[in-house]
């Protein structure tokens, strides 16, 4: 065991390493209805994304657009992840897109009729 990431209050169902900064960041989705972005080097939670009404089953990190300056400050700090998003799927039957730069929810996709 190399590290422990503590912060979620319920089970963790999905994790994903960042595709930027050599995988330095980790995203996790939990049954506590939240998504967390972690700094792998420090094991600290950088931000908690809230909005799902039920547990988060899966997460992924992807570039939405890459026309931003990689050294630009964001709400989390300089992480070189500007233009990247987190995508999450939940038991609330929604898929949500979160902007890492602004730490805000970018979009909600509704339409699934089951978990």
PDB file of N, CA and C in Angstrom:
ATOM      1  N   UNK A   1       0.846  -1.186   0.000  1.00  0.00           N
ATOM      2  CA  UNK A   1       0.000   0.000   0.000  1.00  0.00           C
ATOM      3  C   UNK A   1       0.881   1.236   0.000  1.00  0.00           C
ATOM      4  N   UNK A   2       0.633   2.145  -0.939  1.00  0.00           N
ATOM      5  CA  UNK A   2       1.431   3.364  -1.049  1.00  0.00           C
ATOM      6  C   UNK A   2       0.754   4.571  -0.418  1.00  0.00           C
ATOM      7  N   UNK A   3      -0.569   4.697  -0.610  1.00  0.00           N
ATOM      8  CA  UNK A   3      -1.279   5.868  -0.123  1.00  0.00           C
ATOM      9  C   UNK A   3      -2.700   5.514   0.260  1.00  0.00           C
ATOM     10  N   UNK A   4      -3.275   6.354   1.112  1.00  0.00           N
ATOM     11  CA  UNK A   4      -4.687   6.252   1.467  1.00  0.00           C
ATOM     12  C   UNK A   4      -5.318   7.611   1.191  1.00  0.00           C
ATOM     13  N   UNK A   5      -6.440   7.601   0.490  1.00  0.00           N
ATOM     14  CA  UNK A   5      -7.190   8.819   0.197  1.00  0.00           C
ATOM     15  C   UNK A   5      -8.461   8.784   1.030  1.00  0.00           C
ATOM     16  N   UNK A   6      -8.539   9.638   2.030  1.00  0.00           N
ATOM     17  CA  UNK A   6      -9.696   9.657   2.934  1.00  0.00           C
ATOM     18  C   UNK A   6     -10.509  10.916   2.723  1.00  0.00           C
ATOM     19  N   UNK A   7     -11.833  10.755   2.681  1.00  0.00           N
ATOM     20  CA  UNK A   7     -12.697  11.917   2.519  1.00  0.00           C
ATOM     21  C   UNK A   7     -14.127  11.542   2.202  1.00  0.00           C
ATOM     22  N   UNK A   8     -14.301  10.520   1.381  1.00  0.00           N
ATOM     23  CA  UNK A   8     -15.658  10.075   1.080  1.00  0.00           C
ATOM     24  C   UNK A   8     -16.274   9.475   2.341  1.00  0.00           C
ATOM     25  N   UNK A   9     -17.572   9.635   2.481  1.00  0.00           N
ATOM     26  CA  UNK A   9     -18.259   9.112   3.662  1.00  0.00           C
ATOM     27  C   UNK A   9     -18.989   7.801   3.391  1.00  0.00           C
ATOM     28  N   UNK A  10     -19.004   7.372   2.125  1.00  0.00           N
ATOM     29  CA  UNK A  10     -19.623   6.096   1.755  1.00  0.00           C
ATOM     30  C   UNK A  10     -18.711   5.417   0.732  1.00  0.00           C
ATOM     31  N   UNK A  11     -19.140   4.286   0.220  1.00  0.00           N
ATOM     32  CA  UNK A  11     -18.321   3.501  -0.695  1.00  0.00           C
ATOM     33  C   UNK A  11     -17.932   4.239  -1.963  1.00  0.00           C
ATOM     34  N   UNK A  12     -16.760   3.896  -2.499  1.00  0.00           N
ATOM     35  CA  UNK A  12     -16.253   4.463  -3.748  1.00  0.00           C
ATOM     36  C   UNK A  12     -16.495   3.452  -4.863  1.00  0.00           C
ATOM     37  N   UNK A  13     -17.120   3.918  -5.954  1.00  0.00           N
ATOM     38  CA  UNK A  13     -17.481   3.021  -7.050  1.00  0.00           C
ATOM     39  C   UNK A  13     -16.669   3.223  -8.314  1.00  0.00           C
ATOM     40  N   UNK A  14     -16.079   4.385  -8.497  1.00  0.00           N
ATOM     41  CA  UNK A  14     -15.308   4.618  -9.707  1.00  0.00           C
ATOM     42  C   UNK A  14     -14.133   5.529  -9.449  1.00  0.00           C
ATOM     43  N   UNK A  15     -12.997   5.229 -10.092  1.00  0.00           N
ATOM     44  CA  UNK A  15     -11.820   6.089 -10.007  1.00  0.00           C
ATOM     45  C   UNK A  15     -11.184   6.211 -11.385  1.00  0.00           C
ATOM     46  N   UNK A  16     -10.485   7.304 -11.593  1.00  0.00           N
ATOM     47  CA  UNK A  16      -9.813   7.537 -12.868  1.00  0.00           C
ATOM     48  C   UNK A  16      -8.646   8.485 -12.651  1.00  0.00           C
ATOM     49  N   UNK A  17      -7.475   8.130 -13.199  1.00  0.00           N
ATOM     50  CA  UNK A  17      -6.319   9.018 -13.165  1.00  0.00           C
ATOM     51  C   UNK A  17      -6.429  10.046 -14.284  1.00  0.00           C
ATOM     52  N   UNK A  18      -5.856  11.227 -14.055  1.00  0.00           N
ATOM     53  CA  UNK A  18      -5.879  12.287 -15.067  1.00  0.00           C
ATOM     54  C   UNK A  18      -5.014  11.896 -16.255  1.00  0.00           C
ATOM     55  N   UNK A  19      -5.433  12.382 -17.420  1.00  0.00           N
ATOM     56  CA  UNK A  19      -4.640  12.163 -18.634  1.00  0.00           C
ATOM     57  C   UNK A  19      -3.633  13.291 -18.820  1.00  0.00           C
ATOM     58  N   UNK A  20      -3.621  14.271 -17.928  1.00  0.00           N
ATOM     59  CA  UNK A  20      -2.666  15.378 -17.974  1.00  0.00           C
ATOM     60  C   UNK A  20      -1.775  15.305 -16.739  1.00  0.00           C
ATOM     61  N   UNK A  21      -0.662  16.008 -16.767  1.00  0.00           N
ATOM     62  CA  UNK A  21       0.313  16.051 -15.660  1.00  0.00           C
ATOM     63  C   UNK A  21       0.752  14.660 -15.213  1.00  0.00           C
ATOM     64  N   UNK A  22       0.934  13.767 -16.162  1.00  0.00           N
ATOM     65  CA  UNK A  22       1.462  12.416 -15.909  1.00  0.00           C
ATOM     66  C   UNK A  22       0.631  11.645 -14.874  1.00  0.00           C
ATOM     67  N   UNK A  23      -0.675  11.832 -14.897  1.00  0.00           N
ATOM     68  CA  UNK A  23      -1.543  11.105 -13.987  1.00  0.00           C
ATOM     69  C   UNK A  23      -1.433  11.544 -12.542  1.00  0.00           C
ATOM     70  N   UNK A  24      -1.046  12.775 -12.310  1.00  0.00           N
ATOM     71  CA  UNK A  24      -0.856  13.253 -10.938  1.00  0.00           C
ATOM     72  C   UNK A  24      -2.174  13.385 -10.173  1.00  0.00           C
ATOM     73  N   UNK A  25      -3.280  13.496 -10.888  1.00  0.00           N
ATOM     74  CA  UNK A  25      -4.566  13.714 -10.243  1.00  0.00           C
ATOM     75  C   UNK A  25      -5.455  12.487 -10.394  1.00  0.00           C
ATOM     76  N   UNK A  26      -6.274  12.278  -9.389  1.00  0.00           N
ATOM     77  CA  UNK A  26      -7.168  11.129  -9.339  1.00  0.00           C
ATOM     78  C   UNK A  26      -8.570  11.645  -9.080  1.00  0.00           C
ATOM     79  N   UNK A  27      -9.521  11.099  -9.801  1.00  0.00           N
ATOM     80  CA  UNK A  27     -10.920  11.461  -9.630  1.00  0.00           C
ATOM     81  C   UNK A  27     -11.644  10.242  -9.076  1.00  0.00           C
ATOM     82  N   UNK A  28     -12.527  10.450  -8.101  1.00  0.00           N
ATOM     83  CA  UNK A  28     -13.272   9.340  -7.520  1.00  0.00           C
ATOM     84  C   UNK A  28     -14.743   9.698  -7.396  1.00  0.00           C
ATOM     85  N   UNK A  29     -15.591   8.708  -7.631  1.00  0.00           N
ATOM     86  CA  UNK A  29     -17.028   8.864  -7.471  1.00  0.00           C
ATOM     87  C   UNK A  29     -17.508   7.947  -6.365  1.00  0.00           C
ATOM     88  N   UNK A  30     -18.451   8.427  -5.561  1.00  0.00           N
ATOM     89  CA  UNK A  30     -18.845   7.702  -4.356  1.00  0.00           C
ATOM     90  C   UNK A  30     -20.353   7.626  -4.195  1.00  0.00           C
ATOM     91  N   UNK A  31     -20.761   6.659  -3.385  1.00  0.00           N
ATOM     92  CA  UNK A  31     -22.159   6.515  -3.015  1.00  0.00           C
ATOM     93  C   UNK A  31     -22.597   7.647  -2.085  1.00  0.00           C
ATOM     94  N   UNK A  32     -21.666   8.502  -1.647  1.00  0.00           N
ATOM     95  CA  UNK A  32     -22.035   9.681  -0.855  1.00  0.00           C
ATOM     96  C   UNK A  32     -22.514  10.837  -1.752  1.00  0.00           C
ATOM     97  N   UNK A  33     -22.734  10.535  -3.041  1.00  0.00           N
ATOM     98  CA  UNK A  33     -23.278  11.462  -4.048  1.00  0.00           C
ATOM     99  C   UNK A  33     -22.268  12.498  -4.535  1.00  0.00           C
ATOM    100  N   UNK A  34     -20.999  12.337  -4.217  1.00  0.00           N
ATOM    101  CA  UNK A  34     -19.996  13.326  -4.593  1.00  0.00           C
ATOM    102  C   UNK A  34     -18.908  12.738  -5.476  1.00  0.00           C
ATOM    103  N   UNK A  35     -18.193  13.641  -6.118  1.00  0.00           N
ATOM    104  CA  UNK A  35     -16.999  13.331  -6.894  1.00  0.00           C
ATOM    105  C   UNK A  35     -15.876  14.133  -6.253  1.00  0.00           C
ATOM    106  N   UNK A  36     -14.736  13.503  -6.094  1.00  0.00           N
ATOM    107  CA  UNK A  36     -13.580  14.221  -5.533  1.00  0.00           C
ATOM    108  C   UNK A  36     -12.432  14.178  -6.528  1.00  0.00           C
ATOM    109  N   UNK A  37     -11.708  15.292  -6.574  1.00  0.00           N
ATOM    110  CA  UNK A  37     -10.472  15.368  -7.340  1.00  0.00           C
ATOM    111  C   UNK A  37      -9.337  15.415  -6.331  1.00  0.00           C
ATOM    112  N   UNK A  38      -8.392  14.487  -6.460  1.00  0.00           N
ATOM    113  CA  UNK A  38      -7.300  14.314  -5.502  1.00  0.00           C
ATOM    114  C   UNK A  38      -5.963  14.629  -6.147  1.00  0.00           C
ATOM    115  N   UNK A  39      -5.032  15.104  -5.352  1.00  0.00           N
ATOM    116  CA  UNK A  39      -3.635  15.244  -5.747  1.00  0.00           C
ATOM    117  C   UNK A  39      -2.931  13.970  -5.282  1.00  0.00           C
ATOM    118  N   UNK A  40      -2.449  13.162  -6.213  1.00  0.00           N
ATOM    119  CA  UNK A  40      -1.836  11.879  -5.885  1.00  0.00           C
ATOM    120  C   UNK A  40      -0.556  12.061  -5.068  1.00  0.00           C
ATOM    121  N   UNK A  41       0.197  13.131  -5.331  1.00  0.00           N
ATOM    122  CA  UNK A  41       1.462  13.338  -4.619  1.00  0.00           C
ATOM    123  C   UNK A  41       1.267  13.666  -3.142  1.00  0.00           C
ATOM    124  N   UNK A  42       0.163  14.345  -2.810  1.00  0.00           N
ATOM    125  CA  UNK A  42      -0.061  14.759  -1.427  1.00  0.00           C
ATOM    126  C   UNK A  42      -1.191  13.987  -0.737  1.00  0.00           C
ATOM    127  N   UNK A  43      -1.953  13.202  -1.501  1.00  0.00           N
ATOM    128  CA  UNK A  43      -3.140  12.468  -1.011  1.00  0.00           C
ATOM    129  C   UNK A  43      -4.237  13.406  -0.509  1.00  0.00           C
ATOM    130  N   UNK A  44      -4.208  14.669  -0.930  1.00  0.00           N
ATOM    131  CA  UNK A  44      -5.206  15.634  -0.477  1.00  0.00           C
ATOM    132  C   UNK A  44      -6.322  15.795  -1.498  1.00  0.00           C
ATOM    133  N   UNK A  45      -7.528  15.999  -0.993  1.00  0.00           N
ATOM    134  CA  UNK A  45      -8.676  16.291  -1.832  1.00  0.00           C
ATOM    135  C   UNK A  45      -8.609  17.751  -2.259  1.00  0.00           C
ATOM    136  N   UNK A  46      -8.622  17.991  -3.577  1.00  0.00           N
ATOM    137  CA  UNK A  46      -8.532  19.355  -4.100  1.00  0.00           C
ATOM    138  C   UNK A  46      -9.903  20.010  -4.218  1.00  0.00           C
ATOM    139  N   UNK A  47     -10.916  19.208  -4.545  1.00  0.00           N
ATOM    140  CA  UNK A  47     -12.258  19.752  -4.686  1.00  0.00           C
ATOM    141  C   UNK A  47     -13.281  18.628  -4.589  1.00  0.00           C
ATOM    142  N   UNK A  48     -14.441  18.965  -4.033  1.00  0.00           N
ATOM    143  CA  UNK A  48     -15.573  18.044  -3.962  1.00  0.00           C
ATOM    144  C   UNK A  48     -16.656  18.599  -4.878  1.00  0.00           C
ATOM    145  N   UNK A  49     -17.029  17.821  -5.884  1.00  0.00           N
ATOM    146  CA  UNK A  49     -18.073  18.213  -6.823  1.00  0.00           C
ATOM    147  C   UNK A  49     -19.399  17.638  -6.321  1.00  0.00           C
ATOM    148  N   UNK A  50     -20.390  18.523  -6.118  1.00  0.00           N
ATOM    149  CA  UNK A  50     -21.692  18.118  -5.595  1.00  0.00           C
ATOM    150  C   UNK A  50     -22.788  18.477  -6.585  1.00  0.00           C
ATOM    151  N   UNK A  51     -23.773  17.593  -6.707  1.00  0.00           N
ATOM    152  CA  UNK A  51     -24.890  17.855  -7.607  1.00  0.00           C
ATOM    153  C   UNK A  51     -25.730  16.624  -7.870  1.00  0.00           C
ATOM    154  N   UNK A  52     -25.105  15.452  -7.827  1.00  0.00           N
ATOM    155  CA  UNK A  52     -25.872  14.222  -8.006  1.00  0.00           C
ATOM    156  C   UNK A  52     -26.782  14.002  -6.797  1.00  0.00           C
ATOM    157  N   UNK A  53     -27.959  13.444  -7.066  1.00  0.00           N
ATOM    158  CA  UNK A  53     -28.921  13.190  -5.995  1.00  0.00           C
ATOM    159  C   UNK A  53     -28.749  11.807  -5.366  1.00  0.00           C
ATOM    160  N   UNK A  54     -28.046  10.922  -6.066  1.00  0.00           N
ATOM    161  CA  UNK A  54     -27.770   9.571  -5.564  1.00  0.00           C
ATOM    162  C   UNK A  54     -26.311   9.244  -5.855  1.00  0.00           C
ATOM    163  N   UNK A  55     -25.895   8.046  -5.478  1.00  0.00           N
ATOM    164  CA  UNK A  55     -24.504   7.642  -5.605  1.00  0.00           C
ATOM    165  C   UNK A  55     -23.943   7.748  -7.007  1.00  0.00           C
ATOM    166  N   UNK A  56     -22.659   8.070  -7.084  1.00  0.00           N
ATOM    167  CA  UNK A  56     -21.936   8.181  -8.351  1.00  0.00           C
ATOM    168  C   UNK A  56     -21.274   6.839  -8.633  1.00  0.00           C
ATOM    169  N   UNK A  57     -21.618   6.238  -9.760  1.00  0.00           N
ATOM    170  CA  UNK A  57     -21.145   4.898 -10.098  1.00  0.00           C
ATOM    171  C   UNK A  57     -19.883   4.896 -10.942  1.00  0.00           C
ATOM    172  N   UNK A  58     -19.689   5.929 -11.773  1.00  0.00           N
ATOM    173  CA  UNK A  58     -18.514   5.935 -12.650  1.00  0.00           C
ATOM    174  C   UNK A  58     -18.077   7.366 -12.924  1.00  0.00           C
ATOM    175  N   UNK A  59     -16.772   7.530 -13.158  1.00  0.00           N
ATOM    176  CA  UNK A  59     -16.181   8.829 -13.477  1.00  0.00           C
ATOM    177  C   UNK A  59     -15.121   8.655 -14.559  1.00  0.00           C
ATOM    178  N   UNK A  60     -14.877   9.729 -15.290  1.00  0.00           N
ATOM    179  CA  UNK A  60     -13.803   9.740 -16.280  1.00  0.00           C
ATOM    180  C   UNK A  60     -13.335  11.178 -16.425  1.00  0.00           C
ATOM    181  N   UNK A  61     -12.085  11.359 -16.815  1.00  0.00           N
ATOM    182  CA  UNK A  61     -11.518  12.687 -17.057  1.00  0.00           C
ATOM    183  C   UNK A  61     -11.176  12.769 -18.536  1.00  0.00           C
ATOM    184  N   UNK A  62     -11.600  13.857 -19.173  1.00  0.00           N
ATOM    185  CA  UNK A  62     -11.404  13.975 -20.608  1.00  0.00           C
ATOM    186  C   UNK A  62     -11.205  15.436 -20.990  1.00  0.00           C
ATOM    187  N   UNK A  63     -10.456  15.691 -22.076  1.00  0.00           N
ATOM    188  CA  UNK A  63     -10.356  17.072 -22.549  1.00  0.00           C
ATOM    189  C   UNK A  63     -11.641  17.469 -23.262  1.00  0.00           C
ATOM    190  N   UNK A  64     -12.204  18.610 -22.890  1.00  0.00           N
ATOM    191  CA  UNK A  64     -13.363  19.142 -23.599  1.00  0.00           C
ATOM    192  C   UNK A  64     -12.874  19.995 -24.759  1.00  0.00           C
ATOM    193  N   UNK A  65     -11.944  20.868 -24.441  1.00  0.00           N
ATOM    194  CA  UNK A  65     -11.275  21.676 -25.452  1.00  0.00           C
ATOM    195  C   UNK A  65      -9.907  22.031 -24.907  1.00  0.00           C
ATOM    196  N   UNK A  66      -8.942  22.160 -25.775  1.00  0.00           N
ATOM    197  CA  UNK A  66      -7.575  22.377 -25.305  1.00  0.00           C
ATOM    198  C   UNK A  66      -7.007  23.716 -25.762  1.00  0.00           C
ATOM    199  N   UNK A  67      -7.861  24.727 -25.898  1.00  0.00           N
ATOM    200  CA  UNK A  67      -7.361  26.022 -26.345  1.00  0.00           C
ATOM    201  C   UNK A  67      -7.073  26.964 -25.186  1.00  0.00           C
ATOM    202  N   UNK A  68      -7.045  26.444 -23.958  1.00  0.00           N
ATOM    203  CA  UNK A  68      -6.697  27.264 -22.798  1.00  0.00           C
ATOM    204  C   UNK A  68      -5.208  27.144 -22.498  1.00  0.00           C
ATOM    205  N   UNK A  69      -4.670  28.154 -21.840  1.00  0.00           N
ATOM    206  CA  UNK A  69      -3.272  28.140 -21.436  1.00  0.00           C
ATOM    207  C   UNK A  69      -3.095  27.154 -20.282  1.00  0.00           C
ATOM    208  N   UNK A  70      -2.190  26.203 -20.397  1.00  0.00           N
ATOM    209  CA  UNK A  70      -2.011  25.163 -19.385  1.00  0.00           C
ATOM    210  C   UNK A  70      -1.458  25.668 -18.061  1.00  0.00           C
ATOM    211  N   UNK A  71      -0.939  26.887 -18.010  1.00  0.00           N
ATOM    212  CA  UNK A  71      -0.417  27.416 -16.753  1.00  0.00           C
ATOM    213  C   UNK A  71      -1.378  28.409 -16.102  1.00  0.00           C
ATOM    214  N   UNK A  72      -2.568  28.518 -16.652  1.00  0.00           N
ATOM    215  CA  UNK A  72      -3.563  29.452 -16.137  1.00  0.00           C
ATOM    216  C   UNK A  72      -4.083  28.980 -14.776  1.00  0.00           C
ATOM    217  N   UNK A  73      -4.333  29.930 -13.886  1.00  0.00           N
ATOM    218  CA  UNK A  73      -4.881  29.588 -12.570  1.00  0.00           C
ATOM    219  C   UNK A  73      -6.341  29.186 -12.710  1.00  0.00           C
ATOM    220  N   UNK A  74      -6.767  28.275 -11.858  1.00  0.00           N
ATOM    221  CA  UNK A  74      -8.181  27.951 -11.785  1.00  0.00           C
ATOM    222  C   UNK A  74      -8.582  27.907 -10.325  1.00  0.00           C
ATOM    223  N   UNK A  75      -9.816  27.519 -10.042  1.00  0.00           N
ATOM    224  CA  UNK A  75     -10.308  27.514  -8.670  1.00  0.00           C
ATOM    225  C   UNK A  75      -9.574  26.502  -7.792  1.00  0.00           C
ATOM    226  N   UNK A  76      -8.977  25.497  -8.390  1.00  0.00           N
ATOM    227  CA  UNK A  76      -8.256  24.470  -7.636  1.00  0.00           C
ATOM    228  C   UNK A  76      -6.802  24.872  -7.453  1.00  0.00           C
ATOM    229  N   UNK A  77      -6.260  25.615  -8.394  1.00  0.00           N
ATOM    230  CA  UNK A  77      -4.849  25.973  -8.386  1.00  0.00           C
ATOM    231  C   UNK A  77      -4.252  25.610  -9.730  1.00  0.00           C
ATOM    232  N   UNK A  78      -2.992  25.832  -9.919  1.00  0.00           N
ATOM    233  CA  UNK A  78      -2.360  25.489 -11.197  1.00  0.00           C
ATOM    234  C   UNK A  78      -2.167  23.972 -11.237  1.00  0.00           C
ATOM    235  N   UNK A  79      -2.980  23.308 -12.024  1.00  0.00           N
ATOM    236  CA  UNK A  79      -2.836  21.857 -12.146  1.00  0.00           C
ATOM    237  C   UNK A  79      -2.563  21.446 -13.581  1.00  0.00           C
ATOM    238  N   UNK A  80      -2.567  22.397 -14.497  1.00  0.00           N
ATOM    239  CA  UNK A  80      -2.332  22.053 -15.898  1.00  0.00           C
ATOM    240  C   UNK A  80      -3.494  21.293 -16.494  1.00  0.00           C
ATOM    241  N   UNK A  81      -4.666  21.370 -15.890  1.00  0.00           N
ATOM    242  CA  UNK A  81      -5.826  20.636 -16.371  1.00  0.00           C
ATOM    243  C   UNK A  81      -6.886  21.525 -16.966  1.00  0.00           C
ATOM    244  N   UNK A  82      -6.542  22.755 -17.280  1.00  0.00           N
ATOM    245  CA  UNK A  82      -7.516  23.649 -17.882  1.00  0.00           C
ATOM    246  C   UNK A  82      -7.994  23.080 -19.200  1.00  0.00           C
ATOM    247  N   UNK A  83      -9.302  23.149 -19.432  1.00  0.00           N
ATOM    248  CA  UNK A  83      -9.885  22.574 -20.635  1.00  0.00           C
ATOM    249  C   UNK A  83     -10.284  21.128 -20.431  1.00  0.00           C
ATOM    250  N   UNK A  84     -10.064  20.578 -19.254  1.00  0.00           N
ATOM    251  CA  UNK A  84     -10.436  19.203 -18.964  1.00  0.00           C
ATOM    252  C   UNK A  84     -11.731  19.149 -18.164  1.00  0.00           C
ATOM    253  N   UNK A  85     -12.447  18.070 -18.360  1.00  0.00           N
ATOM    254  CA  UNK A  85     -13.717  17.890 -17.676  1.00  0.00           C
ATOM    255  C   UNK A  85     -13.755  16.532 -16.991  1.00  0.00           C
ATOM    256  N   UNK A  86     -14.636  16.432 -16.017  1.00  0.00           N
ATOM    257  CA  UNK A  86     -14.951  15.156 -15.382  1.00  0.00           C
ATOM    258  C   UNK A  86     -16.349  14.784 -15.840  1.00  0.00           C
ATOM    259  N   UNK A  87     -16.517  13.550 -16.245  1.00  0.00           N
ATOM    260  CA  UNK A  87     -17.824  13.023 -16.616  1.00  0.00           C
ATOM    261  C   UNK A  87     -18.213  12.007 -15.550  1.00  0.00           C
ATOM    262  N   UNK A  88     -19.448  12.090 -15.062  1.00  0.00           N
ATOM    263  CA  UNK A  88     -19.894  11.176 -14.019  1.00  0.00           C
ATOM    264  C   UNK A  88     -21.262  10.601 -14.349  1.00  0.00           C
ATOM    265  N   UNK A  89     -21.451   9.352 -13.967  1.00  0.00           N
ATOM    266  CA  UNK A  89     -22.743   8.680 -14.117  1.00  0.00           C
ATOM    267  C   UNK A  89     -23.239   8.266 -12.748  1.00  0.00           C
ATOM    268  N   UNK A  90     -24.553   8.404 -12.515  1.00  0.00           N
ATOM    269  CA  UNK A  90     -25.087   8.214 -11.177  1.00  0.00           C
ATOM    270  C   UNK A  90     -26.357   7.378 -11.175  1.00  0.00           C
ATOM    271  N   UNK A  91     -26.668   6.876  -9.985  1.00  0.00           N
ATOM    272  CA  UNK A  91     -27.930   6.180  -9.760  1.00  0.00           C
ATOM    273  C   UNK A  91     -29.114   7.133  -9.908  1.00  0.00           C
ATOM    274  N   UNK A  92     -28.873   8.441  -9.972  1.00  0.00           N
ATOM    275  CA  UNK A  92     -29.971   9.391 -10.182  1.00  0.00           C
ATOM    276  C   UNK A  92     -30.387   9.457 -11.648  1.00  0.00           C
ATOM    277  N   UNK A  93     -29.833   8.550 -12.469  1.00  0.00           N
ATOM    278  CA  UNK A  93     -30.168   8.386 -13.892  1.00  0.00           C
ATOM    279  C   UNK A  93     -29.680   9.542 -14.755  1.00  0.00           C
ATOM    280  N   UNK A  94     -28.677  10.276 -14.274  1.00  0.00           N
ATOM    281  CA  UNK A  94     -28.113  11.368 -15.063  1.00  0.00           C
ATOM    282  C   UNK A  94     -26.624  11.135 -15.313  1.00  0.00           C
ATOM    283  N   UNK A  95     -26.159  11.759 -16.367  1.00  0.00           N
ATOM    284  CA  UNK A  95     -24.734  11.877 -16.659  1.00  0.00           C
ATOM    285  C   UNK A  95     -24.435  13.362 -16.554  1.00  0.00           C
ATOM    286  N   UNK A  96     -23.391  13.693 -15.835  1.00  0.00           N
ATOM    287  CA  UNK A  96     -23.050  15.104 -15.639  1.00  0.00           C
ATOM    288  C   UNK A  96     -21.615  15.371 -16.074  1.00  0.00           C
ATOM    289  N   UNK A  97     -21.405  16.549 -16.615  1.00  0.00           N
ATOM    290  CA  UNK A  97     -20.084  16.998 -17.036  1.00  0.00           C
ATOM    291  C   UNK A  97     -19.691  18.157 -16.128  1.00  0.00           C
ATOM    292  N   UNK A  98     -18.491  18.072 -15.577  1.00  0.00           N
ATOM    293  CA  UNK A  98     -17.983  19.072 -14.633  1.00  0.00           C
ATOM    294  C   UNK A  98     -16.731  19.707 -15.215  1.00  0.00           C
ATOM    295  N   UNK A  99     -16.637  21.017 -15.163  1.00  0.00           N
ATOM    296  CA  UNK A  99     -15.474  21.746 -15.653  1.00  0.00           C
ATOM    297  C   UNK A  99     -14.437  21.822 -14.527  1.00  0.00           C
ATOM    298  N   UNK A 100     -13.271  21.234 -14.741  1.00  0.00           N
ATOM    299  CA  UNK A 100     -12.227  21.247 -13.719  1.00  0.00           C
ATOM    300  C   UNK A 100     -11.724  22.665 -13.464  1.00  0.00           C
ATOM    301  N   UNK A 101     -11.643  23.475 -14.516  1.00  0.00           N
ATOM    302  CA  UNK A 101     -11.109  24.831 -14.368  1.00  0.00           C
ATOM    303  C   UNK A 101     -11.979  25.688 -13.451  1.00  0.00           C
ATOM    304  N   UNK A 102     -13.288  25.645 -13.654  1.00  0.00           N
ATOM    305  CA  UNK A 102     -14.183  26.496 -12.864  1.00  0.00           C
ATOM    306  C   UNK A 102     -14.776  25.751 -11.668  1.00  0.00           C
ATOM    307  N   UNK A 103     -14.609  24.435 -11.627  1.00  0.00           N
ATOM    308  CA  UNK A 103     -15.183  23.527 -10.619  1.00  0.00           C
ATOM    309  C   UNK A 103     -16.713  23.564 -10.635  1.00  0.00           C
ATOM    310  N   UNK A 104     -17.289  23.931 -11.758  1.00  0.00           N
ATOM    311  CA  UNK A 104     -18.748  24.021 -11.885  1.00  0.00           C
ATOM    312  C   UNK A 104     -19.283  22.901 -12.767  1.00  0.00           C
ATOM    313  N   UNK A 105     -20.561  22.606 -12.562  1.00  0.00           N
ATOM    314  CA  UNK A 105     -21.239  21.643 -13.426  1.00  0.00           C
ATOM    315  C   UNK A 105     -21.433  22.284 -14.788  1.00  0.00           C
ATOM    316  N   UNK A 106     -21.039  21.576 -15.831  1.00  0.00           N
ATOM    317  CA  UNK A 106     -21.072  22.108 -17.186  1.00  0.00           C
ATOM    318  C   UNK A 106     -22.361  21.719 -17.899  1.00  0.00           C
ATOM    319  N   UNK A 107     -22.821  20.471 -17.684  1.00  0.00           N
ATOM    320  CA  UNK A 107     -23.999  19.974 -18.382  1.00  0.00           C
ATOM    321  C   UNK A 107     -24.584  18.788 -17.634  1.00  0.00           C
ATOM    322  N   UNK A 108     -25.893  18.565 -17.810  1.00  0.00           N
ATOM    323  CA  UNK A 108     -26.588  17.407 -17.246  1.00  0.00           C
ATOM    324  C   UNK A 108     -27.325  16.726 -18.388  1.00  0.00           C
ATOM    325  N   UNK A 109     -27.099  15.440 -18.542  1.00  0.00           N
ATOM    326  CA  UNK A 109     -27.800  14.658 -19.548  1.00  0.00           C
ATOM    327  C   UNK A 109     -28.821  13.776 -18.850  1.00  0.00           C
ATOM    328  N   UNK A 110     -30.076  13.967 -19.204  1.00  0.00           N
ATOM    329  CA  UNK A 110     -31.167  13.184 -18.619  1.00  0.00           C
ATOM    330  C   UNK A 110     -31.796  12.343 -19.726  1.00  0.00           C
ATOM    331  N   UNK A 111     -32.429  11.254 -19.351  1.00  0.00           N
ATOM    332  CA  UNK A 111     -33.099  10.432 -20.347  1.00  0.00           C
ATOM    333  C   UNK A 111     -33.071   8.955 -20.024  1.00  0.00           C
ATOM    334  N   UNK A 112     -32.073   8.533 -19.239  1.00  0.00           N
ATOM    335  CA  UNK A 112     -32.053   7.128 -18.828  1.00  0.00           C
ATOM    336  C   UNK A 112     -33.257   6.862 -17.941  1.00  0.00           C
ATOM    337  N   UNK A 113     -33.824   5.680 -18.069  1.00  0.00           N
ATOM    338  CA  UNK A 113     -35.000   5.323 -17.271  1.00  0.00           C
ATOM    339  C   UNK A 113     -34.672   4.381 -16.127  1.00  0.00           C
ATOM    340  N   UNK A 114     -33.420   4.030 -16.007  1.00  0.00           N
ATOM    341  CA  UNK A 114     -32.982   3.140 -14.945  1.00  0.00           C
ATOM    342  C   UNK A 114     -31.545   3.488 -14.551  1.00  0.00           C
ATOM    343  N   UNK A 115     -31.113   2.878 -13.458  1.00  0.00           N
ATOM    344  CA  UNK A 115     -29.756   3.126 -12.976  1.00  0.00           C
ATOM    345  C   UNK A 115     -28.749   2.767 -14.047  1.00  0.00           C
TER     346      UNK A 115
END
